[in-house]
Amino acid sequence: SFSTIRSAFQTFDMPITASWREIGAKYRALAKKYHPDTAIHKESSTAEFTRITAAYETLKKYFKK
């Protein structure tokens, strides 16, 4: 649904006009920051990493990648 897609863009703090390349770059930066293997606060980072990954998968479908 459109609200799910809009929410995914908001997760990345990106406008709905952002390109797939911009989304990918933001995802890699956030994934690096929140990945459970590298994050400082593992408990909170795992939930955030899961949220980021879910948003990325939603946008992947939206961009038909």
N, C-alpha and C. Protein backbone atom coordinates (compact mmCIF):
# COMPACT_ATOMS: atom_id res chain seq x y z
N SER A 1 0.83 -1.20 0.00
CA SER A 1 0.00 0.00 0.00
C SER A 1 0.87 1.25 0.00
N PHE A 2 0.26 2.35 -0.39
CA PHE A 2 1.01 3.60 -0.47
C PHE A 2 1.54 4.04 0.89
N SER A 3 0.76 3.82 1.95
CA SER A 3 1.21 4.23 3.29
C SER A 3 2.44 3.43 3.72
N THR A 4 2.51 2.17 3.33
CA THR A 4 3.68 1.35 3.65
C THR A 4 4.91 1.88 2.93
N ILE A 5 4.72 2.25 1.68
CA ILE A 5 5.82 2.80 0.89
C ILE A 5 6.28 4.14 1.45
N ARG A 6 5.31 5.00 1.78
CA ARG A 6 5.65 6.30 2.36
C ARG A 6 6.40 6.12 3.69
N SER A 7 5.94 5.17 4.48
CA SER A 7 6.59 4.88 5.76
C SER A 7 8.03 4.39 5.55
N ALA A 8 8.24 3.60 4.51
CA ALA A 8 9.58 3.11 4.21
C ALA A 8 10.51 4.26 3.84
N PHE A 9 10.02 5.21 3.03
CA PHE A 9 10.81 6.40 2.71
C PHE A 9 11.12 7.18 3.98
N GLN A 10 10.14 7.29 4.88
CA GLN A 10 10.35 8.02 6.13
C GLN A 10 11.39 7.34 7.02
N THR A 11 11.42 6.01 6.98
CA THR A 11 12.42 5.26 7.75
C THR A 11 13.82 5.72 7.36
N PHE A 12 14.01 5.97 6.07
CA PHE A 12 15.32 6.42 5.58
C PHE A 12 15.46 7.93 5.60
N ASP A 13 14.42 8.62 6.08
CA ASP A 13 14.42 10.09 6.13
C ASP A 13 14.70 10.66 4.73
N MET A 14 14.02 10.08 3.74
CA MET A 14 14.20 10.47 2.35
C MET A 14 12.86 10.94 1.78
N PRO A 15 12.89 11.87 0.84
CA PRO A 15 11.64 12.28 0.18
C PRO A 15 11.15 11.17 -0.74
N ILE A 16 9.88 11.16 -1.03
CA ILE A 16 9.30 10.12 -1.89
C ILE A 16 9.86 10.20 -3.31
N THR A 17 10.55 11.28 -3.62
CA THR A 17 11.16 11.46 -4.94
C THR A 17 12.58 10.90 -5.00
N ALA A 18 13.06 10.34 -3.91
CA ALA A 18 14.43 9.81 -3.87
C ALA A 18 14.61 8.69 -4.89
N SER A 19 15.81 8.59 -5.42
CA SER A 19 16.10 7.55 -6.41
C SER A 19 16.49 6.25 -5.70
N TRP A 20 16.47 5.16 -6.46
CA TRP A 20 16.88 3.86 -5.92
C TRP A 20 18.33 3.91 -5.45
N ARG A 21 19.16 4.61 -6.20
CA ARG A 21 20.58 4.74 -5.83
C ARG A 21 20.72 5.45 -4.48
N GLU A 22 19.95 6.52 -4.28
CA GLU A 22 19.99 7.26 -3.00
C GLU A 22 19.52 6.37 -1.85
N ILE A 23 18.45 5.60 -2.10
CA ILE A 23 17.94 4.69 -1.07
C ILE A 23 19.01 3.66 -0.72
N GLY A 24 19.65 3.11 -1.74
CA GLY A 24 20.69 2.09 -1.52
C GLY A 24 21.84 2.62 -0.70
N ALA A 25 22.28 3.83 -1.00
CA ALA A 25 23.38 4.45 -0.26
C ALA A 25 22.99 4.67 1.20
N LYS A 26 21.78 5.16 1.42
CA LYS A 26 21.30 5.42 2.79
C LYS A 26 21.17 4.09 3.55
N TYR A 27 20.64 3.07 2.86
CA TYR A 27 20.50 1.76 3.50
C TYR A 27 21.86 1.22 3.93
N ARG A 28 22.84 1.28 3.06
CA ARG A 28 24.18 0.76 3.41
C ARG A 28 24.76 1.51 4.60
N ALA A 29 24.59 2.82 4.64
CA ALA A 29 25.11 3.61 5.76
C ALA A 29 24.42 3.22 7.07
N LEU A 30 23.09 3.12 7.02
CA LEU A 30 22.34 2.77 8.24
C LEU A 30 22.59 1.32 8.65
N ALA A 31 22.68 0.42 7.68
CA ALA A 31 22.93 -0.99 7.99
C ALA A 31 24.28 -1.14 8.68
N LYS A 32 25.26 -0.41 8.21
CA LYS A 32 26.59 -0.45 8.82
C LYS A 32 26.53 0.06 10.26
N LYS A 33 25.78 1.12 10.46
CA LYS A 33 25.65 1.73 11.79
C LYS A 33 24.92 0.82 12.78
N TYR A 34 23.84 0.16 12.31
CA TYR A 34 22.98 -0.59 13.22
C TYR A 34 23.15 -2.11 13.16
N HIS A 35 24.05 -2.60 12.34
CA HIS A 35 24.22 -4.05 12.25
C HIS A 35 24.59 -4.61 13.61
N PRO A 36 23.92 -5.68 14.05
CA PRO A 36 24.18 -6.25 15.38
C PRO A 36 25.64 -6.65 15.61
N ASP A 37 26.37 -7.00 14.57
CA ASP A 37 27.77 -7.39 14.74
C ASP A 37 28.70 -6.21 15.00
N THR A 38 28.27 -5.01 14.59
CA THR A 38 29.17 -3.86 14.71
C THR A 38 28.65 -2.76 15.64
N ALA A 39 27.36 -2.79 15.97
CA ALA A 39 26.77 -1.72 16.78
C ALA A 39 27.24 -1.78 18.22
N ILE A 40 27.22 -0.64 18.85
CA ILE A 40 27.64 -0.54 20.24
C ILE A 40 26.52 -1.02 21.18
N HIS A 41 25.29 -0.56 20.93
CA HIS A 41 24.14 -0.95 21.76
C HIS A 41 23.36 -2.03 21.03
N LYS A 42 23.75 -3.28 21.26
CA LYS A 42 23.22 -4.40 20.48
C LYS A 42 21.71 -4.58 20.59
N GLU A 43 21.14 -4.40 21.77
CA GLU A 43 19.70 -4.64 21.96
C GLU A 43 18.87 -3.72 21.07
N SER A 44 19.13 -2.44 21.17
CA SER A 44 18.34 -1.47 20.40
C SER A 44 18.71 -1.51 18.92
N SER A 45 19.95 -1.83 18.62
CA SER A 45 20.38 -1.83 17.22
C SER A 45 19.75 -2.98 16.43
N THR A 46 19.51 -4.11 17.07
CA THR A 46 18.91 -5.24 16.37
C THR A 46 17.51 -4.88 15.88
N ALA A 47 16.72 -4.25 16.72
CA ALA A 47 15.37 -3.83 16.34
C ALA A 47 15.43 -2.79 15.21
N GLU A 48 16.34 -1.86 15.32
CA GLU A 48 16.48 -0.81 14.30
C GLU A 48 16.96 -1.43 12.98
N PHE A 49 17.89 -2.35 13.05
CA PHE A 49 18.38 -3.02 11.84
C PHE A 49 17.25 -3.77 11.14
N THR A 50 16.42 -4.44 11.92
CA THR A 50 15.27 -5.16 11.37
C THR A 50 14.30 -4.20 10.68
N ARG A 51 14.06 -3.05 11.31
CA ARG A 51 13.15 -2.04 10.75
C ARG A 51 13.71 -1.47 9.44
N ILE A 52 14.99 -1.19 9.42
CA ILE A 52 15.65 -0.65 8.23
C ILE A 52 15.59 -1.67 7.08
N THR A 53 15.87 -2.92 7.40
CA THR A 53 15.86 -3.98 6.39
C THR A 53 14.46 -4.18 5.82
N ALA A 54 13.44 -4.14 6.67
CA ALA A 54 12.06 -4.28 6.20
C ALA A 54 11.68 -3.13 5.26
N ALA A 55 12.08 -1.92 5.61
CA ALA A 55 11.81 -0.75 4.77
C ALA A 55 12.53 -0.89 3.43
N TYR A 56 13.75 -1.39 3.47
CA TYR A 56 14.52 -1.57 2.25
C TYR A 56 13.85 -2.59 1.33
N GLU A 57 13.37 -3.69 1.91
CA GLU A 57 12.67 -4.71 1.12
C GLU A 57 11.40 -4.15 0.48
N THR A 58 10.67 -3.32 1.23
CA THR A 58 9.46 -2.68 0.70
C THR A 58 9.81 -1.81 -0.51
N LEU A 59 10.86 -1.01 -0.37
CA LEU A 59 11.26 -0.11 -1.45
C LEU A 59 11.85 -0.88 -2.63
N LYS A 60 12.46 -2.01 -2.33
CA LYS A 60 13.01 -2.86 -3.40
C LYS A 60 11.87 -3.31 -4.32
N LYS A 61 10.74 -3.71 -3.71
CA LYS A 61 9.58 -4.10 -4.50
C LYS A 61 9.00 -2.90 -5.24
N TYR A 62 8.94 -1.76 -4.56
CA TYR A 62 8.40 -0.54 -5.16
C TYR A 62 9.20 -0.13 -6.41
N PHE A 63 10.52 -0.25 -6.32
CA PHE A 63 11.37 0.09 -7.45
C PHE A 63 11.57 -1.08 -8.42
N LYS A 64 10.90 -2.21 -8.12
CA LYS A 64 10.98 -3.42 -8.94
C LYS A 64 12.41 -3.91 -9.14
N LYS A 65 13.13 -4.01 -8.05
CA LYS A 65 14.53 -4.48 -8.08
C LYS A 65 14.62 -5.93 -7.64
